[in-house]
Structures are given as structure tokens and as C-alpha cells.
Amino acid sequence: MKSKKILVVFVFLILLSILFSVKVFAVEEYIDRTNGFHFKIVGNEITITGVEDYVKVVNIPSTIDGKNVTTIGSHAFDGRNDILKITIPETVENIEDFAFDGCENITEIKLPNGLVSLGGYAFNNCKSLKEIEIPCNLISGSTFDGCTKLEKVTFTNNVTTIGAGIYFQNCVSLKEIYIPSSVTSVGYVAFDLVNSNFTIYGDYNSYIRQYCEE
């Protein structure tokens, strides 16, 4: 009986420690009143979580309060079809799922060269986007679903992998996809459900030639 009581107390203490640890490490959201950005501090880095409604031209800063802006959070600009232009600094390494979902009036956006990850549905239904240069591996599907005016996609020399998943479904205007010789892997159905008239361009002796032939 005594051992059972000790066990119950021990489990109770574990639950308390978990509860308090969650409180201690909870991430609080802040607002930069000067520029209108919502953000949270994760370690010594900044994640952008949104922007005030009055901001129509979004120039994401590279630093806030001396900390680098490294991530654009999930749903940060979700549904903001009133945003006309977005500038992303070179400090950004991660763009999470649905970050720009429904930004219907953006015609062009430059992704930073140091980008490491691009989430699923990140540019879902960006219906005015006409071209995009992708500087990172794709591993989350449906990244550009519903980009109905997207005509040109260029993967840069940093890219080695285009993972399994349908990245450009409903991109009915897509005509050109440029894939560098650095790419050594293209996953299953990566280019399925794309306008059947598009052309893939690549080096003659590269992996992408083999992929196209297969």
C-alpha cells in the first residue's frame, strides 16, 4: 500500500513538472507598433505571425529588437487578399504551412537564397502569382496549389530534392519549369495534375533528363 502511495505521489509530481514547464516555455506573441508586425520570440530568433490589417505592402524586417527574423509562421498572412506586395529578407530560413495562403493579389515574390524549408500550401491560391524562383528542397506537398496564373517556375542550384507530393496542382497556366543539374531526386507525382502543356528544362546529362524519359 505504501509503495502505491509513493507511486501516485511520484506521478502527480511528474504531471506538475510538465504543467509548469509548459508555462515556463510558453511563447508569447508581440506587436511591433511601428511597422505593424505580429511576432513571437523563439530562443534568440523571431517568427513573424501576422501583420496589422492596414498594412498592404509588406516589407518584412531582417531584425526586430536586435534578433534575426528567421521564420514566417503558419497562416501568418492567411487570407490577406488585400496585400499587394511582400518583401522577404535574406535572414528568413523557414516559411511554414499556409503562410501566404489566399494572398490572391501578389503577382511576384522573391524567396531568400538561404531558405531551408517551404511548407505545404505555403502559396495556396495565390491566384495572381506569375513566376517563382525556388531556392530550397521541396518536401511538403501542395505548395503552389491553385496558383492559376503561375507560368514559370525556376529551381536554383541550391536544390537537390523535389520530394514526393503534388506541388503545382491546379496551376493551369504553368508553361515552363527549370530544374538544375544539382537536383538528383524527384519524388512520386511531383508534377501531377499540372497543365499538360508545360515543358521541363534541364541539362542534357543531368538526372532530370533521366526522370523525364522515365
Protein backbone atom coordinates (compact mmCIF):
# COMPACT_ATOMS: atom_id res chain seq x y z
CA MET A 1 0.00 0.00 0.00
CA LYS A 2 2.81 2.36 0.90
CA SER A 3 4.53 1.74 -2.44
CA LYS A 4 1.29 2.56 -4.27
CA LYS A 5 1.02 5.87 -2.44
CA ILE A 6 4.60 6.70 -3.31
CA LEU A 7 3.89 5.87 -6.97
CA VAL A 8 0.80 8.11 -7.02
CA VAL A 9 2.76 10.98 -5.48
CA PHE A 10 5.57 10.45 -7.97
CA VAL A 11 3.16 10.53 -10.95
CA PHE A 12 1.50 13.65 -9.50
CA LEU A 13 4.87 15.38 -9.24
CA ILE A 14 5.69 14.48 -12.85
CA LEU A 15 2.38 15.95 -14.03
CA LEU A 16 3.06 19.12 -12.05
CA SER A 17 6.53 19.45 -13.53
CA ILE A 18 5.12 19.06 -17.06
CA LEU A 19 2.43 21.64 -16.34
CA PHE A 20 4.90 24.19 -15.01
CA SER A 21 7.40 23.51 -17.79
CA VAL A 22 4.71 24.29 -20.36
CA LYS A 23 4.02 27.57 -18.62
CA VAL A 24 7.67 28.44 -18.39
CA PHE A 25 8.32 27.80 -22.09
CA ALA A 26 5.06 29.21 -23.46
CA VAL A 27 5.73 31.56 -26.38
CA GLU A 28 4.13 34.98 -26.08
CA GLU A 29 3.11 37.00 -29.14
CA TYR A 30 4.08 40.65 -29.52
CA ILE A 31 3.20 43.52 -31.85
CA ASP A 32 5.72 45.87 -33.41
CA ARG A 33 3.64 49.04 -33.25
CA THR A 34 5.97 50.92 -35.59
CA ASN A 35 5.61 48.57 -38.57
CA GLY A 36 2.52 46.61 -37.62
CA PHE A 37 4.07 43.13 -37.47
CA HIS A 38 2.93 40.44 -35.08
CA PHE A 39 5.77 38.22 -33.92
CA LYS A 40 6.97 35.78 -31.32
CA ILE A 41 10.43 35.21 -29.91
CA VAL A 42 11.74 31.65 -30.14
CA GLY A 43 15.12 31.35 -28.46
CA ASN A 44 17.12 34.19 -29.91
CA GLU A 45 15.16 34.37 -33.17
CA ILE A 46 11.96 35.98 -34.43
CA THR A 47 8.97 34.29 -36.07
CA ILE A 48 6.57 36.58 -37.93
CA THR A 49 2.98 35.56 -37.15
CA GLY A 50 0.99 38.27 -38.93
CA VAL A 51 0.60 41.94 -39.71
CA GLU A 52 -1.98 44.63 -38.94
CA ASP A 53 -4.87 45.00 -41.39
CA TYR A 54 -3.84 48.47 -42.51
CA VAL A 55 -0.54 47.17 -43.99
CA LYS A 56 -0.97 46.47 -47.72
CA VAL A 57 2.69 46.49 -48.81
CA VAL A 58 4.60 44.13 -46.53
CA ASN A 59 8.34 44.70 -46.05
CA ILE A 60 9.38 42.09 -43.51
CA PRO A 61 12.36 43.37 -41.49
CA SER A 62 15.53 41.33 -41.12
CA THR A 63 15.70 42.06 -37.39
CA ILE A 64 13.35 43.06 -34.58
CA ASP A 65 14.77 44.19 -31.25
CA GLY A 66 18.21 43.04 -32.34
CA LYS A 67 17.06 39.47 -33.11
CA ASN A 68 17.09 37.95 -36.61
CA VAL A 69 13.78 37.25 -38.31
CA THR A 70 14.24 33.63 -39.40
CA THR A 71 10.71 32.24 -39.81
CA ILE A 72 7.39 33.22 -41.34
CA GLY A 73 4.90 31.33 -39.24
CA SER A 74 1.99 29.12 -40.23
CA HIS A 75 -1.01 31.14 -41.50
CA ALA A 76 0.90 34.40 -40.93
CA PHE A 77 -0.73 36.11 -43.94
CA ASP A 78 -3.53 33.63 -44.49
CA GLY A 79 -6.46 35.15 -46.39
CA ARG A 80 -4.88 38.58 -46.86
CA ASN A 81 -6.06 39.13 -50.42
CA ASP A 82 -5.62 42.87 -49.87
CA ILE A 83 -1.81 42.58 -49.70
CA LEU A 84 -0.21 43.78 -52.93
CA LYS A 85 3.48 43.10 -52.36
CA ILE A 86 5.67 41.19 -49.92
CA THR A 87 9.42 41.55 -49.46
CA ILE A 88 11.21 38.79 -47.54
CA PRO A 89 14.68 39.43 -46.06
CA GLU A 90 17.65 37.11 -46.58
CA THR A 91 17.60 36.17 -42.89
CA VAL A 92 14.44 34.08 -43.34
CA GLU A 93 15.18 30.34 -43.41
CA ASN A 94 11.71 28.84 -42.91
CA ILE A 95 8.29 29.54 -44.38
CA GLU A 96 5.70 27.40 -42.63
CA ASP A 97 2.45 25.80 -43.83
CA PHE A 98 -0.23 28.13 -45.26
CA ALA A 99 1.98 31.19 -44.64
CA PHE A 100 0.68 33.07 -47.71
CA ASP A 101 -2.49 31.07 -48.32
CA GLY A 102 -5.07 33.17 -50.17
CA CYS A 103 -2.87 36.19 -50.92
CA GLU A 104 -4.66 36.50 -54.23
CA ASN A 105 -3.21 39.81 -55.44
CA ILE A 106 0.52 39.13 -55.14
CA THR A 107 1.99 38.97 -58.65
CA GLU A 108 5.62 38.38 -57.72
CA ILE A 109 7.60 37.36 -54.65
CA LYS A 110 11.33 36.71 -54.22
CA LEU A 111 12.27 33.95 -51.83
CA PRO A 112 15.54 34.42 -49.90
CA ASN A 113 18.57 32.50 -51.12
CA GLY A 114 19.14 30.99 -47.67
CA LEU A 115 15.67 29.49 -47.43
CA VAL A 116 15.81 25.98 -45.95
CA SER A 117 12.16 24.88 -45.81
CA LEU A 118 8.95 25.80 -47.59
CA GLY A 119 5.78 24.44 -46.03
CA GLY A 120 2.74 22.77 -47.54
CA TYR A 121 0.14 25.10 -49.08
CA ALA A 122 2.53 27.99 -48.39
CA PHE A 123 1.32 29.79 -51.55
CA ASN A 124 -2.06 28.10 -51.86
CA ASN A 125 -4.48 30.13 -54.02
CA CYS A 126 -2.02 32.95 -54.77
CA LYS A 127 -4.01 33.44 -57.94
CA SER A 128 -2.05 36.39 -59.34
CA LEU A 129 1.44 34.94 -58.86
CA LYS A 130 3.05 34.65 -62.30
CA GLU A 131 6.51 33.27 -61.60
CA ILE A 132 8.58 31.96 -58.71
CA GLU A 133 12.21 31.05 -58.09
CA ILE A 134 12.60 28.25 -55.55
CA PRO A 135 15.94 28.13 -53.67
CA CYS A 136 15.29 25.14 -51.39
CA ASN A 137 14.30 21.48 -51.44
CA LEU A 138 10.57 20.80 -51.56
CA ILE A 139 9.32 18.17 -49.15
CA SER A 140 5.79 19.36 -48.27
CA GLY A 141 3.20 18.85 -50.99
CA SER A 142 0.62 21.24 -52.42
CA THR A 143 2.93 24.24 -52.00
CA PHE A 144 1.50 26.12 -55.00
CA ASP A 145 -1.98 24.64 -55.25
CA GLY A 146 -4.39 26.94 -57.08
CA CYS A 147 -1.84 29.42 -58.44
CA THR A 148 -3.87 29.71 -61.61
CA LYS A 149 -1.70 32.39 -63.29
CA LEU A 150 1.66 30.83 -62.46
CA GLU A 151 3.56 30.46 -65.73
CA LYS A 152 7.21 29.93 -64.83
CA VAL A 153 8.99 28.02 -62.04
CA THR A 154 12.76 28.02 -61.62
CA PHE A 155 14.62 25.83 -59.14
CA THR A 156 18.03 27.28 -58.23
CA ASN A 157 21.35 25.46 -57.90
CA ASN A 158 20.82 25.03 -54.14
CA VAL A 159 18.08 22.48 -54.77
CA THR A 160 18.86 18.76 -54.70
CA THR A 161 15.45 17.24 -53.96
CA ILE A 162 11.91 17.72 -55.18
CA GLY A 163 10.06 15.36 -52.90
CA ALA A 164 7.01 13.19 -53.33
CA GLY A 165 3.80 15.18 -53.40
CA ILE A 166 1.78 17.22 -55.86
CA TYR A 167 3.24 20.72 -55.74
CA PHE A 168 1.56 22.52 -58.63
CA GLN A 169 -1.96 21.14 -58.84
CA ASN A 170 -4.48 23.47 -60.50
CA CYS A 171 -1.66 25.59 -61.94
CA VAL A 172 -3.44 25.67 -65.26
CA SER A 173 -1.20 28.37 -66.81
CA LEU A 174 2.13 26.74 -66.00
CA LYS A 175 4.33 26.59 -69.11
CA GLU A 176 7.98 26.35 -68.01
CA ILE A 177 9.80 24.50 -65.20
CA TYR A 178 13.57 24.93 -64.99
CA ILE A 179 15.45 22.28 -62.99
CA PRO A 180 19.23 22.50 -62.43
CA SER A 181 21.74 19.65 -62.59
CA SER A 182 22.06 19.81 -58.77
CA VAL A 183 18.69 18.02 -58.50
CA THR A 184 19.25 14.28 -58.03
CA SER A 185 15.82 13.21 -56.82
CA VAL A 186 12.26 13.93 -57.94
CA GLY A 187 9.54 12.24 -55.92
CA TYR A 188 6.41 10.43 -56.97
CA VAL A 189 3.67 12.60 -58.57
CA ALA A 190 5.70 15.78 -58.03
CA PHE A 191 4.31 17.27 -61.24
CA ASP A 192 0.96 15.52 -61.48
CA LEU A 193 -2.26 17.49 -62.01
CA VAL A 194 -0.35 20.25 -63.81
CA ASN A 195 -1.31 21.79 -67.14
CA SER A 196 -0.34 19.08 -69.67
CA ASN A 197 1.32 21.63 -71.97
CA PHE A 198 4.15 22.59 -69.65
CA THR A 199 7.81 21.91 -70.51
CA ILE A 200 10.63 20.87 -68.17
CA TYR A 201 14.04 22.35 -68.98
CA GLY A 202 17.33 20.91 -67.70
CA ASP A 203 20.89 19.97 -68.63
CA TYR A 204 21.20 17.18 -71.17
CA ASN A 205 23.44 15.00 -68.96
CA SER A 206 21.59 15.65 -65.71
CA TYR A 207 19.31 13.46 -63.62
CA ILE A 208 16.28 15.40 -64.79
CA ARG A 209 16.72 14.08 -68.34
CA GLN A 210 16.51 10.53 -66.98
CA TYR A 211 13.47 11.50 -64.92
CA CYS A 212 11.68 12.92 -67.96
CA GLU A 213 12.48 9.88 -70.08
CA GLU A 214 11.13 7.55 -67.40
